[in-house]
Amino acid sequence: MGLAAVACKNGESEAWYARRAEDVRELELLEEVDIVYLSPEEYASRGGRDPVPTDEELHRYAQTYGRLGFFPIDLDLRPIYTRQGSNRTGAFYSWRTKEIVIVDHAEDNDVVAAFVVALQDQHFDLEAYLNCATRDGRRQRSRETLEAKPAS
C-alpha cells in the first residue's frame, strides 16, 4: 500500500486507517486512495451539507428500521435527528471521484468506514452495482418487501 504516513485525528496515520479497513472487510486495497482534507467551511462552500430528511423520509426510515428491530416502528425520528445537529459529516468515500473526504476532525470509525467503502468499490465496482440495482428494480422490490405492512 502506498499511503503516506500523514497523521489524522488521534495521531493515527492514513495507513493505519486503511489497514483497519482491510482487517474489518478482509480485503486488501488494490490501489492508493486519494484523501482530501476540508474544514467545515470548505465542505459547506463546495455544496457539501448533510441532507435534511423530510417528514416522509423520516417516517419511511422509522418503518424500515423499526421492522428490522432497531427501534419501535412508530418512533418519531425528528427530535433525534435535530439533537445530532446538521453538521455531522466526518468522512466519506465518493465512488464518483474515487477519493476519501475528511471533514475537520473526523472520528476514527468514520475514517475507517470510508476506507471500507473505498476498498469495496475497488473490488466490487459500486457504481455498476448501484446502477444495476436501480435499473432492474431489485432494490425497489426489496424495499417494498421490507416495508410491506404485516398481514393482520
Protein backbone atom coordinates (compact mmCIF):
# COMPACT_ATOMS: atom_id res chain seq x y z
CA MET A 1 0.00 0.00 0.00
CA GLY A 2 1.48 3.34 -1.00
CA LEU A 3 -0.16 5.65 1.52
CA ALA A 4 1.79 8.49 3.03
CA ALA A 5 2.09 8.47 6.80
CA VAL A 6 0.13 11.67 7.31
CA ALA A 7 -1.31 11.91 10.82
CA CYS A 8 -5.07 12.03 11.21
CA LYS A 9 -7.08 12.66 14.37
CA ASN A 10 -5.63 10.97 17.45
CA GLY A 11 -2.25 10.76 15.73
CA GLU A 12 -3.13 7.71 13.65
CA SER A 13 -1.84 7.63 10.09
CA GLU A 14 -3.84 7.15 6.93
CA ALA A 15 -2.11 3.80 6.53
CA TRP A 16 -3.38 2.73 9.97
CA TYR A 17 -6.97 3.51 8.95
CA ALA A 18 -6.51 1.67 5.66
CA ARG A 19 -5.13 -1.41 7.47
CA ARG A 20 -8.06 -1.36 9.92
CA ALA A 21 -10.49 -1.27 6.98
CA GLU A 22 -8.68 -4.18 5.33
CA ASP A 23 -8.89 -6.16 8.58
CA VAL A 24 -12.58 -5.38 9.03
CA ARG A 25 -13.56 -6.23 5.45
CA GLU A 26 -10.97 -8.98 4.95
CA LEU A 27 -9.95 -7.49 1.61
CA GLU A 28 -6.91 -5.52 0.51
CA LEU A 29 -6.91 -2.12 -1.14
CA LEU A 30 -5.95 -2.63 -4.77
CA GLU A 31 -4.64 0.91 -5.23
CA GLU A 32 -3.95 4.07 -3.27
CA VAL A 33 -6.97 6.19 -2.38
CA ASP A 34 -6.69 9.96 -2.63
CA ILE A 35 -7.62 11.77 0.56
CA VAL A 36 -8.93 15.33 0.69
CA TYR A 37 -8.98 17.25 3.99
CA LEU A 38 -11.59 20.00 4.32
CA SER A 39 -12.58 22.37 7.07
CA PRO A 40 -16.33 22.53 7.78
CA GLU A 41 -16.37 25.89 5.95
CA GLU A 42 -14.64 24.45 2.88
CA TYR A 43 -17.03 21.50 2.87
CA ALA A 44 -20.05 23.81 3.06
CA SER A 45 -18.65 26.14 0.36
CA ARG A 46 -18.36 23.18 -2.03
CA GLY A 47 -22.04 22.50 -1.58
CA GLY A 48 -21.47 19.78 0.97
CA ARG A 49 -24.03 19.56 3.68
CA ASP A 50 -25.84 16.81 5.42
CA PRO A 51 -29.23 16.37 3.83
CA VAL A 52 -32.20 17.31 5.96
CA PRO A 53 -34.68 14.46 5.62
CA THR A 54 -38.33 15.27 5.03
CA ASP A 55 -41.01 14.07 7.43
CA GLU A 56 -41.95 11.44 4.84
CA GLU A 57 -38.35 10.18 4.67
CA LEU A 58 -38.08 10.06 8.46
CA HIS A 59 -41.33 8.09 8.63
CA ARG A 60 -40.02 5.67 5.98
CA TYR A 61 -36.75 5.23 7.92
CA ALA A 62 -38.68 4.52 11.11
CA GLN A 63 -40.87 2.00 9.31
CA THR A 64 -37.92 0.29 7.62
CA TYR A 65 -35.51 0.12 10.54
CA GLY A 66 -38.32 -0.44 13.02
CA ARG A 67 -39.29 -3.61 11.16
CA LEU A 68 -35.67 -4.70 11.42
CA GLY A 69 -35.92 -4.31 15.19
CA PHE A 70 -33.63 -1.31 15.70
CA PHE A 71 -36.37 0.72 17.43
CA PRO A 72 -40.19 0.93 17.57
CA ILE A 73 -41.84 1.28 14.16
CA ASP A 74 -43.76 4.39 15.20
CA LEU A 75 -40.71 6.21 16.64
CA ASP A 76 -40.59 9.92 15.79
CA LEU A 77 -37.05 10.41 14.46
CA ARG A 78 -37.26 14.22 14.09
CA PRO A 79 -36.14 15.03 17.69
CA ILE A 80 -33.31 12.52 17.47
CA TYR A 81 -32.15 13.91 14.14
CA THR A 82 -32.34 17.53 15.37
CA ARG A 83 -30.35 16.76 18.53
CA GLN A 84 -27.50 15.40 16.42
CA GLY A 85 -27.15 18.71 14.65
CA SER A 86 -26.83 19.35 10.97
CA ASN A 87 -23.04 19.28 10.66
CA ARG A 88 -22.26 15.65 11.36
CA THR A 89 -20.31 14.59 8.29
CA GLY A 90 -16.90 13.28 9.35
CA ALA A 91 -15.51 11.30 6.45
CA PHE A 92 -16.88 9.63 3.36
CA TYR A 93 -15.74 7.93 0.17
CA SER A 94 -17.02 9.17 -3.18
CA TRP A 95 -17.29 6.41 -5.76
CA ARG A 96 -17.63 9.12 -8.39
CA THR A 97 -14.30 10.85 -7.63
CA LYS A 98 -12.63 7.79 -6.05
CA GLU A 99 -11.45 9.83 -3.07
CA ILE A 100 -12.00 9.97 0.66
CA VAL A 101 -13.07 13.33 2.04
CA ILE A 102 -12.28 14.00 5.69
CA VAL A 103 -14.12 16.98 7.16
CA ASP A 104 -12.47 18.69 10.13
CA HIS A 105 -11.57 16.17 12.84
CA ALA A 106 -13.43 13.06 11.79
CA GLU A 107 -13.97 10.26 14.27
CA ASP A 108 -11.80 7.18 13.78
CA ASN A 109 -14.80 4.98 12.92
CA ASP A 110 -15.87 7.42 10.16
CA VAL A 111 -12.44 7.30 8.52
CA VAL A 112 -12.25 3.50 8.73
CA ALA A 113 -15.78 3.24 7.29
CA ALA A 114 -14.75 5.49 4.38
CA PHE A 115 -11.78 3.21 3.67
CA VAL A 116 -14.08 0.15 3.84
CA VAL A 117 -16.33 1.67 1.16
CA ALA A 118 -13.25 2.54 -0.94
CA LEU A 119 -11.92 -1.00 -0.90
CA GLN A 120 -15.37 -2.43 -1.60
CA ASP A 121 -15.59 -0.10 -4.60
CA GLN A 122 -12.20 -1.30 -5.82
CA HIS A 123 -13.27 -4.94 -5.57
CA PHE A 124 -16.96 -4.78 -6.50
CA ASP A 125 -17.46 -1.58 -8.59
CA LEU A 126 -20.15 0.11 -6.52
CA GLU A 127 -21.28 2.42 -9.31
CA ALA A 128 -22.09 -0.52 -11.60
CA TYR A 129 -23.89 -2.28 -8.76
CA LEU A 130 -25.96 0.77 -7.86
CA ASN A 131 -26.85 1.43 -11.50
CA CYS A 132 -27.84 -2.21 -11.99
CA ALA A 133 -29.90 -2.30 -8.81
CA THR A 134 -31.71 0.86 -9.85
CA ARG A 135 -32.22 -0.17 -13.47
CA ASP A 136 -33.74 -3.58 -12.88
CA GLY A 137 -35.78 -2.63 -9.85
CA ARG A 138 -34.29 -5.16 -7.41
CA ARG A 139 -33.58 -2.51 -4.81
CA GLN A 140 -37.09 -1.08 -5.10
CA ARG A 141 -38.69 -4.54 -4.78
CA SER A 142 -36.52 -5.32 -1.74
CA ARG A 143 -37.54 -2.07 -0.06
CA GLU A 144 -41.21 -2.69 -0.89
CA THR A 145 -41.00 -6.17 0.63
CA LEU A 146 -39.31 -4.88 3.78
CA GLU A 147 -41.76 -2.00 4.16
CA ALA A 148 -44.84 -4.11 3.44
CA LYS A 149 -47.33 -4.00 6.25
CA PRO A 150 -47.62 -7.31 8.08
CA ALA A 151 -50.79 -9.28 7.43
CA SER A 152 -53.36 -8.77 10.18
